[in-house]
Amino acid sequence: MVPLPGSPQVPCFPQCVEWILQTQQSNGSWGLIQMDSSINKDVLSSTLACVLALKRWNVGREHIKRGLRFIGRNLSTATDEQSVAPIGFNITFSGMLSLGIEMGLEFPVGQTDVGRILHLREVELKRLIGDKSDGRKAYMAYVAEGQGNLLDWNQVMKFQRKNGSLFNSPSTTAAALIHNFDDKALQYVKLLVSKFGSSVPTVYPTNIYHQLSMVDSLEKIGISHYFSTEIKSILDVAYSFWLQRDEEIMLDVAACAMAFRLLRMNGYDVSSGTSLGSNFPSY
């Protein structure tokens, strides 16, 4: 949904719009359907996001119709507390639903159902409004795509990383670009599209986390001694990142915890006294 700079009616990444047109499932959805054919909140959210993108550029009329019918059939999933939800689902999905209504989309559901879902965002935002912590601010920025003009986008951009992204998240970075143009953010998204093509990963980069996970797995199954050279190389890099307080480790809770444990276990001098908590968004 990012517009071409200087041409708001033209998509900056038409190949991504074309990817949406080519990848709709036969049931009208976008996303990975479970083996038991059940619909989860991630699929529901992905489908609505794709419908909004097509509506934004006025393409794929039949795709939009099929997507809306899918959402209508499965909207009850959005309020199912037993269904696993992506981080910030109540805010992002409700925000997208509200945007869709503003864009003139007609959802084949009753007003009561729509009102119930929109109410979820209100409840979530009210719950967070009294929290003045840095973690709360980071969380609100992370789920920015569900808040639109409710946010101060200049405040959101305070969480921009050196690579131009927000939280290494292409979707959050793209949402920021729609509301508040930033050249570094645009270059980050352009890099991803040039590297991966018309569809990009949900998080990028994640290299150090995956490398540490590999080391962890090798140690747990007891064959790490066969890969001692490779493991030392990975841990040396991780230790360098640790000493520099590099955001690749320090701004990722899982990567930071794993790096601390593995470095300690392998004799590296890392201190538990370092104040890391202020770096972590409270998800």
C-alpha atoms as a PDB file:
ATOM      1  CA  MET A   1       0.000   0.000   0.000  1.00  0.00           C
ATOM      2  CA  VAL A   2       3.044   2.296  -0.096  1.00  0.00           C
ATOM      3  CA  PRO A   3       2.532   4.975  -2.768  1.00  0.00           C
ATOM      4  CA  LEU A   4       5.194   6.061  -5.221  1.00  0.00           C
ATOM      5  CA  PRO A   5       6.875   9.178  -3.798  1.00  0.00           C
ATOM      6  CA  GLY A   6       5.309  12.192  -5.483  1.00  0.00           C
ATOM      7  CA  SER A   7       2.542  10.090  -7.064  1.00  0.00           C
ATOM      8  CA  PRO A   8       0.032   9.098  -4.360  1.00  0.00           C
ATOM      9  CA  GLN A   9      -2.258   7.285  -6.815  1.00  0.00           C
ATOM     10  CA  VAL A  10       0.492   4.939  -8.033  1.00  0.00           C
ATOM     11  CA  PRO A  11       1.824   1.960  -6.036  1.00  0.00           C
ATOM     12  CA  CYS A  12       5.534   2.089  -5.249  1.00  0.00           C
ATOM     13  CA  PHE A  13       5.693  -1.721  -5.491  1.00  0.00           C
ATOM     14  CA  PRO A  14       3.316  -2.851  -8.257  1.00  0.00           C
ATOM     15  CA  GLN A  15       4.946  -6.297  -8.272  1.00  0.00           C
ATOM     16  CA  CYS A  16       3.662  -6.847  -4.735  1.00  0.00           C
ATOM     17  CA  VAL A  17       0.131  -5.922  -5.802  1.00  0.00           C
ATOM     18  CA  GLU A  18       0.436  -8.390  -8.658  1.00  0.00           C
ATOM     19  CA  TRP A  19       1.605 -11.062  -6.187  1.00  0.00           C
ATOM     20  CA  ILE A  20      -1.614 -10.551  -4.225  1.00  0.00           C
ATOM     21  CA  LEU A  21      -3.652 -11.039  -7.394  1.00  0.00           C
ATOM     22  CA  GLN A  22      -1.812 -14.277  -8.176  1.00  0.00           C
ATOM     23  CA  THR A  23      -1.864 -15.926  -4.740  1.00  0.00           C
ATOM     24  CA  GLN A  24      -5.467 -15.828  -3.528  1.00  0.00           C
ATOM     25  CA  GLN A  25      -6.642 -19.228  -2.245  1.00  0.00           C
ATOM     26  CA  SER A  26      -9.651 -20.933  -3.801  1.00  0.00           C
ATOM     27  CA  ASN A  27     -11.732 -20.138  -0.690  1.00  0.00           C
ATOM     28  CA  GLY A  28     -11.048 -16.414  -1.115  1.00  0.00           C
ATOM     29  CA  SER A  29      -8.365 -16.098   1.560  1.00  0.00           C
ATOM     30  CA  TRP A  30      -4.685 -15.252   1.632  1.00  0.00           C
ATOM     31  CA  GLY A  31      -2.401 -17.050   4.051  1.00  0.00           C
ATOM     32  CA  LEU A  32      -1.558 -20.570   5.159  1.00  0.00           C
ATOM     33  CA  ILE A  33      -4.583 -22.727   5.925  1.00  0.00           C
ATOM     34  CA  GLN A  34      -4.175 -25.246   8.759  1.00  0.00           C
ATOM     35  CA  MET A  35      -3.982 -28.969   8.013  1.00  0.00           C
ATOM     36  CA  ASP A  36      -7.442 -29.428   9.542  1.00  0.00           C
ATOM     37  CA  SER A  37      -8.772 -26.609   7.309  1.00  0.00           C
ATOM     38  CA  SER A  38      -9.542 -24.460  10.359  1.00  0.00           C
ATOM     39  CA  ILE A  39      -9.258 -20.694   9.997  1.00  0.00           C
ATOM     40  CA  ASN A  40      -7.058 -18.802  12.435  1.00  0.00           C
ATOM     41  CA  LYS A  41      -6.715 -15.101  13.140  1.00  0.00           C
ATOM     42  CA  ASP A  42      -3.519 -14.831  11.129  1.00  0.00           C
ATOM     43  CA  VAL A  43      -5.285 -15.930   7.937  1.00  0.00           C
ATOM     44  CA  LEU A  44      -8.192 -13.598   8.674  1.00  0.00           C
ATOM     45  CA  SER A  45      -5.804 -10.687   9.195  1.00  0.00           C
ATOM     46  CA  SER A  46      -3.747 -11.490   6.087  1.00  0.00           C
ATOM     47  CA  THR A  47      -6.889 -11.695   3.967  1.00  0.00           C
ATOM     48  CA  LEU A  48      -8.193  -8.328   5.135  1.00  0.00           C
ATOM     49  CA  ALA A  49      -4.775  -6.741   4.537  1.00  0.00           C
ATOM     50  CA  CYS A  50      -4.736  -8.025   0.947  1.00  0.00           C
ATOM     51  CA  VAL A  51      -8.298  -6.854   0.315  1.00  0.00           C
ATOM     52  CA  LEU A  52      -7.381  -3.363   1.542  1.00  0.00           C
ATOM     53  CA  ALA A  53      -4.320  -3.246  -0.732  1.00  0.00           C
ATOM     54  CA  LEU A  54      -6.379  -4.176  -3.803  1.00  0.00           C
ATOM     55  CA  LYS A  55      -9.062  -1.653  -2.888  1.00  0.00           C
ATOM     56  CA  ARG A  56      -6.396   1.022  -2.383  1.00  0.00           C
ATOM     57  CA  TRP A  57      -5.254   0.666  -5.985  1.00  0.00           C
ATOM     58  CA  ASN A  58      -8.694  -0.176  -7.454  1.00  0.00           C
ATOM     59  CA  VAL A  59      -7.671  -3.513  -8.939  1.00  0.00           C
ATOM     60  CA  GLY A  60      -8.897  -7.095  -8.576  1.00  0.00           C
ATOM     61  CA  ARG A  61     -12.617  -6.430  -8.123  1.00  0.00           C
ATOM     62  CA  GLU A  62     -13.470 -10.143  -8.125  1.00  0.00           C
ATOM     63  CA  HIS A  63     -10.592 -10.920  -5.775  1.00  0.00           C
ATOM     64  CA  ILE A  64     -11.957  -8.318  -3.366  1.00  0.00           C
ATOM     65  CA  LYS A  65     -15.441  -9.832  -3.519  1.00  0.00           C
ATOM     66  CA  ARG A  66     -14.131 -13.320  -2.782  1.00  0.00           C
ATOM     67  CA  GLY A  67     -11.967 -11.984   0.029  1.00  0.00           C
ATOM     68  CA  LEU A  68     -14.896 -10.133   1.601  1.00  0.00           C
ATOM     69  CA  ARG A  69     -17.069 -13.251   1.433  1.00  0.00           C
ATOM     70  CA  PHE A  70     -14.317 -15.242   3.168  1.00  0.00           C
ATOM     71  CA  ILE A  71     -14.049 -12.616   5.914  1.00  0.00           C
ATOM     72  CA  GLY A  72     -17.818 -12.583   6.322  1.00  0.00           C
ATOM     73  CA  ARG A  73     -17.973 -16.376   6.706  1.00  0.00           C
ATOM     74  CA  ASN A  74     -15.198 -16.446   9.279  1.00  0.00           C
ATOM     75  CA  LEU A  75     -15.525 -13.165  11.145  1.00  0.00           C
ATOM     76  CA  SER A  76     -16.469 -14.966  14.350  1.00  0.00           C
ATOM     77  CA  THR A  77     -12.838 -16.154  14.538  1.00  0.00           C
ATOM     78  CA  ALA A  78     -11.820 -12.574  15.323  1.00  0.00           C
ATOM     79  CA  THR A  79     -13.626 -12.708  18.683  1.00  0.00           C
ATOM     80  CA  ASP A  80     -12.781 -16.332  19.485  1.00  0.00           C
ATOM     81  CA  GLU A  81     -10.558 -16.158  22.562  1.00  0.00           C
ATOM     82  CA  GLN A  82      -9.396 -19.756  22.001  1.00  0.00           C
ATOM     83  CA  SER A  83      -7.934 -18.969  18.577  1.00  0.00           C
ATOM     84  CA  VAL A  84      -4.212 -18.162  18.553  1.00  0.00           C
ATOM     85  CA  ALA A  85      -3.685 -14.513  17.631  1.00  0.00           C
ATOM     86  CA  PRO A  86      -0.736 -12.602  16.155  1.00  0.00           C
ATOM     87  CA  ILE A  87       0.775  -9.914  18.389  1.00  0.00           C
ATOM     88  CA  GLY A  88      -1.568  -6.927  18.632  1.00  0.00           C
ATOM     89  CA  PHE A  89      -4.361  -8.609  16.654  1.00  0.00           C
ATOM     90  CA  ASN A  90      -7.190  -6.777  18.425  1.00  0.00           C
ATOM     91  CA  ILE A  91      -5.665  -3.458  17.434  1.00  0.00           C
ATOM     92  CA  THR A  92      -4.433  -4.245  13.926  1.00  0.00           C
ATOM     93  CA  PHE A  93      -7.455  -6.211  12.716  1.00  0.00           C
ATOM     94  CA  SER A  94      -9.972  -3.758  14.138  1.00  0.00           C
ATOM     95  CA  GLY A  95      -7.971  -0.889  12.679  1.00  0.00           C
ATOM     96  CA  MET A  96      -7.934  -2.506   9.235  1.00  0.00           C
ATOM     97  CA  LEU A  97     -11.665  -3.195   9.483  1.00  0.00           C
ATOM     98  CA  SER A  98     -12.298   0.460  10.300  1.00  0.00           C
ATOM     99  CA  LEU A  99     -10.102   1.542   7.373  1.00  0.00           C
ATOM    100  CA  GLY A 100     -11.973  -0.811   5.047  1.00  0.00           C
ATOM    101  CA  ILE A 101     -15.293   0.765   6.034  1.00  0.00           C
ATOM    102  CA  GLU A 102     -13.824   4.239   5.398  1.00  0.00           C
ATOM    103  CA  MET A 103     -12.689   3.060   1.953  1.00  0.00           C
ATOM    104  CA  GLY A 104     -16.221   1.994   1.103  1.00  0.00           C
ATOM    105  CA  LEU A 105     -15.862  -1.779   1.430  1.00  0.00           C
ATOM    106  CA  GLU A 106     -19.118  -3.557   2.218  1.00  0.00           C
ATOM    107  CA  PHE A 107     -18.536  -6.436   4.598  1.00  0.00           C
ATOM    108  CA  PRO A 108     -21.224  -9.144   4.386  1.00  0.00           C
ATOM    109  CA  VAL A 109     -21.837  -9.142   8.139  1.00  0.00           C
ATOM    110  CA  GLY A 110     -24.204  -7.475  10.553  1.00  0.00           C
ATOM    111  CA  GLN A 111     -23.439  -4.115  12.150  1.00  0.00           C
ATOM    112  CA  THR A 112     -23.508  -5.738  15.568  1.00  0.00           C
ATOM    113  CA  ASP A 113     -20.646  -8.063  14.595  1.00  0.00           C
ATOM    114  CA  VAL A 114     -18.629  -5.182  13.187  1.00  0.00           C
ATOM    115  CA  GLY A 115     -19.279  -3.093  16.293  1.00  0.00           C
ATOM    116  CA  ARG A 116     -18.148  -5.922  18.556  1.00  0.00           C
ATOM    117  CA  ILE A 117     -14.812  -6.178  16.746  1.00  0.00           C
ATOM    118  CA  LEU A 118     -14.220  -2.430  16.649  1.00  0.00           C
ATOM    119  CA  HIS A 119     -14.910  -2.399  20.375  1.00  0.00           C
ATOM    120  CA  LEU A 120     -11.957  -4.755  20.887  1.00  0.00           C
ATOM    121  CA  ARG A 121      -9.576  -2.020  19.750  1.00  0.00           C
ATOM    122  CA  GLU A 122     -11.192   0.528  22.054  1.00  0.00           C
ATOM    123  CA  VAL A 123     -10.837  -1.795  25.033  1.00  0.00           C
ATOM    124  CA  GLU A 124      -7.217  -2.582  24.204  1.00  0.00           C
ATOM    125  CA  LEU A 125      -6.265   1.071  23.732  1.00  0.00           C
ATOM    126  CA  LYS A 126      -8.010   2.109  26.957  1.00  0.00           C
ATOM    127  CA  ARG A 127      -6.135  -0.611  28.798  1.00  0.00           C
ATOM    128  CA  LEU A 128      -2.839   0.755  27.530  1.00  0.00           C
ATOM    129  CA  ILE A 129      -3.511   4.475  27.782  1.00  0.00           C
ATOM    130  CA  GLY A 130      -2.468   4.760  31.426  1.00  0.00           C
ATOM    131  CA  ASP A 131       0.815   2.943  30.864  1.00  0.00           C
ATOM    132  CA  LYS A 132       3.596   5.495  30.285  1.00  0.00           C
ATOM    133  CA  SER A 133       6.442   2.973  30.097  1.00  0.00           C
ATOM    134  CA  ASP A 134       8.903   2.706  27.209  1.00  0.00           C
ATOM    135  CA  GLY A 135       7.659  -0.828  26.627  1.00  0.00           C
ATOM    136  CA  ARG A 136       4.108   0.431  26.068  1.00  0.00           C
ATOM    137  CA  LYS A 137       5.351   3.074  23.611  1.00  0.00           C
ATOM    138  CA  ALA A 138       7.305   0.444  21.693  1.00  0.00           C
ATOM    139  CA  TYR A 139       4.312  -1.886  21.608  1.00  0.00           C
ATOM    140  CA  MET A 140       2.051   0.865  20.270  1.00  0.00           C
ATOM    141  CA  ALA A 141       4.612   1.621  17.561  1.00  0.00           C
ATOM    142  CA  TYR A 142       4.905  -2.070  16.681  1.00  0.00           C
ATOM    143  CA  VAL A 143       1.145  -2.325  16.058  1.00  0.00           C
ATOM    144  CA  ALA A 144       1.041   1.078  14.351  1.00  0.00           C
ATOM    145  CA  GLU A 145      -0.563  -0.285  11.184  1.00  0.00           C
ATOM    146  CA  GLY A 146      -3.785  -0.786  13.131  1.00  0.00           C
ATOM    147  CA  GLN A 147      -3.988   2.788  14.399  1.00  0.00           C
ATOM    148  CA  GLY A 148      -3.659   5.047  11.379  1.00  0.00           C
ATOM    149  CA  ASN A 149      -4.175   8.699  12.241  1.00  0.00           C
ATOM    150  CA  LEU A 150      -4.669   7.918  15.939  1.00  0.00           C
ATOM    151  CA  LEU A 151      -0.878   7.886  16.289  1.00  0.00           C
ATOM    152  CA  ASP A 152       1.787  10.549  16.277  1.00  0.00           C
ATOM    153  CA  TRP A 153       3.929   9.080  13.512  1.00  0.00           C
ATOM    154  CA  ASN A 154       6.893  11.256  14.438  1.00  0.00           C
ATOM    155  CA  GLN A 155       6.917   9.476  17.804  1.00  0.00           C
ATOM    156  CA  VAL A 156       6.701   6.116  16.051  1.00  0.00           C
ATOM    157  CA  MET A 157       9.790   6.924  13.981  1.00  0.00           C
ATOM    158  CA  LYS A 158      11.841   7.201  17.184  1.00  0.00           C
ATOM    159  CA  PHE A 159      11.920   3.391  17.110  1.00  0.00           C
ATOM    160  CA  GLN A 160      13.527   3.302  13.670  1.00  0.00           C
ATOM    161  CA  ARG A 161      16.605   1.096  13.509  1.00  0.00           C
ATOM    162  CA  LYS A 162      19.872   1.771  11.739  1.00  0.00           C
ATOM    163  CA  ASN A 163      18.747  -0.334   8.768  1.00  0.00           C
ATOM    164  CA  GLY A 164      15.759   1.994   8.279  1.00  0.00           C
ATOM    165  CA  SER A 165      13.141  -0.422   9.591  1.00  0.00           C
ATOM    166  CA  LEU A 166      10.788  -0.371  12.525  1.00  0.00           C
ATOM    167  CA  PHE A 167      11.446  -3.519  14.585  1.00  0.00           C
ATOM    168  CA  ASN A 168      12.832  -5.301  11.483  1.00  0.00           C
ATOM    169  CA  SER A 169       9.172  -5.573  10.422  1.00  0.00           C
ATOM    170  CA  PRO A 170       8.388  -4.863   6.755  1.00  0.00           C
ATOM    171  CA  SER A 171       4.669  -4.380   7.479  1.00  0.00           C
ATOM    172  CA  THR A 172       5.172  -1.893  10.328  1.00  0.00           C
ATOM    173  CA  THR A 173       7.793  -0.047   8.268  1.00  0.00           C
ATOM    174  CA  ALA A 174       5.449   0.099   5.283  1.00  0.00           C
ATOM    175  CA  ALA A 175       2.645   1.426   7.493  1.00  0.00           C
ATOM    176  CA  ALA A 176       4.944   4.217   8.626  1.00  0.00           C
ATOM    177  CA  LEU A 177       5.817   5.036   5.012  1.00  0.00           C
ATOM    178  CA  ILE A 178       2.140   5.408   4.143  1.00  0.00           C
ATOM    179  CA  HIS A 179       1.619   7.988   6.873  1.00  0.00           C
ATOM    180  CA  ASN A 180       5.038   9.597   7.220  1.00  0.00           C
ATOM    181  CA  PHE A 181       7.524   9.384   4.341  1.00  0.00           C
ATOM    182  CA  ASP A 182      11.071   8.546   5.381  1.00  0.00           C
ATOM    183  CA  ASP A 183      13.840   7.845   2.907  1.00  0.00           C
ATOM    184  CA  LYS A 184      15.667   5.320   5.136  1.00  0.00           C
ATOM    185  CA  ALA A 185      12.452   3.365   5.651  1.00  0.00           C
ATOM    186  CA  LEU A 186      11.803   3.392   1.905  1.00  0.00           C
ATOM    187  CA  GLN A 187      15.303   2.100   1.188  1.00  0.00           C
ATOM    188  CA  TYR A 188      14.782  -0.741   3.693  1.00  0.00           C
ATOM    189  CA  VAL A 189      11.572  -1.854   1.969  1.00  0.00           C
ATOM    190  CA  LYS A 190      13.136  -1.478  -1.474  1.00  0.00           C
ATOM    191  CA  LEU A 191      16.050  -3.651  -0.358  1.00  0.00           C
ATOM    192  CA  LEU A 192      13.664  -6.408   0.719  1.00  0.00           C
ATOM    193  CA  VAL A 193      11.697  -6.326  -2.519  1.00  0.00           C
ATOM    194  CA  SER A 194      14.883  -6.410  -4.599  1.00  0.00           C
ATOM    195  CA  LYS A 195      16.280  -9.256  -2.487  1.00  0.00           C
ATOM    196  CA  PHE A 196      13.178 -11.446  -2.151  1.00  0.00           C
ATOM    197  CA  GLY A 197      10.964 -10.396  -5.047  1.00  0.00           C
ATOM    198  CA  SER A 198       7.265  -9.639  -4.834  1.00  0.00           C
ATOM    199  CA  SER A 199       6.773 -11.250  -1.402  1.00  0.00           C
ATOM    200  CA  VAL A 200       9.029 -10.579   1.571  1.00  0.00           C
ATOM    201  CA  PRO A 201       9.538 -12.260   4.972  1.00  0.00           C
ATOM    202  CA  THR A 202       7.529 -11.061   7.973  1.00  0.00           C
ATOM    203  CA  VAL A 203      10.762 -10.207   9.809  1.00  0.00           C
ATOM    204  CA  TYR A 204      14.138  -9.224   8.333  1.00  0.00           C
ATOM    205  CA  PRO A 205      16.937  -9.573   9.173  1.00  0.00           C
ATOM    206  CA  THR A 206      16.974 -12.486  11.629  1.00  0.00           C
ATOM    207  CA  ASN A 207      20.370 -13.940  10.775  1.00  0.00           C
ATOM    208  CA  ILE A 208      22.023 -13.862  14.212  1.00  0.00           C
ATOM    209  CA  TYR A 209      18.946 -15.342  15.900  1.00  0.00           C
ATOM    210  CA  HIS A 210      18.818 -18.275  13.458  1.00  0.00           C
ATOM    211  CA  GLN A 211      22.551 -18.890  13.803  1.00  0.00           C
ATOM    212  CA  LEU A 212      22.309 -18.925  17.595  1.00  0.00           C
ATOM    213  CA  SER A 213      19.325 -21.273  17.358  1.00  0.00           C
ATOM    214  CA  MET A 214      21.418 -23.646  15.249  1.00  0.00           C
ATOM    215  CA  VAL A 215      24.210 -23.592  17.829  1.00  0.00           C
ATOM    216  CA  ASP A 216      21.668 -24.219  20.584  1.00  0.00           C
ATOM    217  CA  SER A 217      20.215 -27.205  18.720  1.00  0.00           C
ATOM    218  CA  LEU A 218      23.642 -28.741  18.068  1.00  0.00           C
ATOM    219  CA  GLU A 219      24.552 -28.448  21.751  1.00  0.00           C
ATOM    220  CA  LYS A 220      21.248 -29.914  22.921  1.00  0.00           C
ATOM    221  CA  ILE A 221      21.566 -33.017  20.750  1.00  0.00           C
ATOM    222  CA  GLY A 222      25.193 -33.492  21.801  1.00  0.00           C
ATOM    223  CA  ILE A 223      27.038 -33.173  18.496  1.00  0.00           C
ATOM    224  CA  SER A 224      28.380 -29.614  18.827  1.00  0.00           C
ATOM    225  CA  HIS A 225      31.984 -30.901  19.025  1.00  0.00           C
ATOM    226  CA  TYR A 226      31.782 -31.850  15.350  1.00  0.00           C
ATOM    227  CA  PHE A 227      31.159 -28.197  14.455  1.00  0.00           C
ATOM    228  CA  SER A 228      33.455 -26.430  16.920  1.00  0.00           C
ATOM    229  CA  THR A 229      35.026 -24.127  14.310  1.00  0.00           C
ATOM    230  CA  GLU A 230      31.682 -23.010  12.889  1.00  0.00           C
ATOM    231  CA  ILE A 231      30.199 -22.526  16.364  1.00  0.00           C
ATOM    232  CA  LYS A 232      33.164 -20.444  17.545  1.00  0.00           C
ATOM    233  CA  SER A 233      32.790 -18.218  14.492  1.00  0.00           C
ATOM    234  CA  ILE A 234      29.080 -17.633  15.223  1.00  0.00           C
ATOM    235  CA  LEU A 235      29.662 -16.990  18.922  1.00  0.00           C
ATOM    236  CA  ASP A 236      32.531 -14.595  18.183  1.00  0.00           C
ATOM    237  CA  VAL A 237      30.174 -12.539  16.027  1.00  0.00           C
ATOM    238  CA  ALA A 238      27.464 -12.686  18.684  1.00  0.00           C
ATOM    239  CA  TYR A 239      29.963 -11.573  21.336  1.00  0.00           C
ATOM    240  CA  SER A 240      31.036  -8.681  19.149  1.00  0.00           C
ATOM    241  CA  PHE A 241      27.375  -7.653  18.787  1.00  0.00           C
ATOM    242  CA  TRP A 242      26.949  -7.985  22.557  1.00  0.00           C
ATOM    243  CA  LEU A 243      29.910  -5.715  23.344  1.00  0.00           C
ATOM    244  CA  GLN A 244      28.662  -3.125  20.854  1.00  0.00           C
ATOM    245  CA  ARG A 245      25.118  -3.442  22.242  1.00  0.00           C
ATOM    246  CA  ASP A 246      24.066  -3.978  18.649  1.00  0.00           C
ATOM    247  CA  GLU A 247      20.312  -3.651  18.104  1.00  0.00           C
ATOM    248  CA  GLU A 248      20.286  -6.968  16.234  1.00  0.00           C
ATOM    249  CA  ILE A 249      20.633  -8.640  19.630  1.00  0.00           C
ATOM    250  CA  MET A 250      19.641  -6.001  22.158  1.00  0.00           C
ATOM    251  CA  LEU A 251      16.264  -5.185  20.626  1.00  0.00           C
ATOM    252  CA  ASP A 252      15.184  -8.811  20.235  1.00  0.00           C
ATOM    253  CA  VAL A 253      14.230 -10.487  23.511  1.00  0.00           C
ATOM    254  CA  ALA A 254      14.637 -14.057  22.238  1.00  0.00           C
ATOM    255  CA  ALA A 255      17.992 -13.371  20.537  1.00  0.00           C
ATOM    256  CA  CYS A 256      19.317 -11.504  23.579  1.00  0.00           C
ATOM    257  CA  ALA A 257      18.366 -14.256  26.033  1.00  0.00           C
ATOM    258  CA  MET A 258      19.825 -16.990  23.829  1.00  0.00           C
ATOM    259  CA  ALA A 259      23.027 -15.028  23.200  1.00  0.00           C
ATOM    260  CA  PHE A 260      23.496 -14.418  26.929  1.00  0.00           C
ATOM    261  CA  ARG A 261      23.037 -18.104  27.776  1.00  0.00           C
ATOM    262  CA  LEU A 262      25.209 -19.508  24.972  1.00  0.00           C
ATOM    263  CA  LEU A 263      28.002 -16.979  25.467  1.00  0.00           C
ATOM    264  CA  ARG A 264      28.074 -17.636  29.202  1.00  0.00           C
ATOM    265  CA  MET A 265      28.083 -21.411  28.673  1.00  0.00           C
ATOM    266  CA  ASN A 266      30.981 -21.126  26.246  1.00  0.00           C
ATOM    267  CA  GLY A 267      33.218 -18.985  28.456  1.00  0.00           C
ATOM    268  CA  TYR A 268      32.609 -15.503  27.048  1.00  0.00           C
ATOM    269  CA  ASP A 269      32.671 -12.600  29.513  1.00  0.00           C
ATOM    270  CA  VAL A 270      29.087 -11.316  29.531  1.00  0.00           C
ATOM    271  CA  SER A 271      27.530  -9.675  32.553  1.00  0.00           C
ATOM    272  CA  SER A 272      24.015 -10.208  33.854  1.00  0.00           C
ATOM    273  CA  GLY A 273      24.253  -6.789  35.487  1.00  0.00           C
ATOM    274  CA  THR A 274      23.785  -4.962  32.209  1.00  0.00           C
ATOM    275  CA  SER A 275      20.473  -3.108  32.185  1.00  0.00           C
ATOM    276  CA  LEU A 276      18.741  -4.598  29.158  1.00  0.00           C
ATOM    277  CA  GLY A 277      15.107  -4.305  30.168  1.00  0.00           C
ATOM    278  CA  SER A 278      14.669  -0.775  28.847  1.00  0.00           C
ATOM    279  CA  ASN A 279      15.545  -1.995  25.348  1.00  0.00           C
ATOM    280  CA  PHE A 280      12.702  -4.495  25.155  1.00  0.00           C
ATOM    281  CA  PRO A 281       9.238  -3.725  23.828  1.00  0.00           C
ATOM    282  CA  SER A 282       6.752  -5.314  26.231  1.00  0.00           C
ATOM    283  CA  TYR A 283       4.843  -7.628  23.932  1.00  0.00           C
END
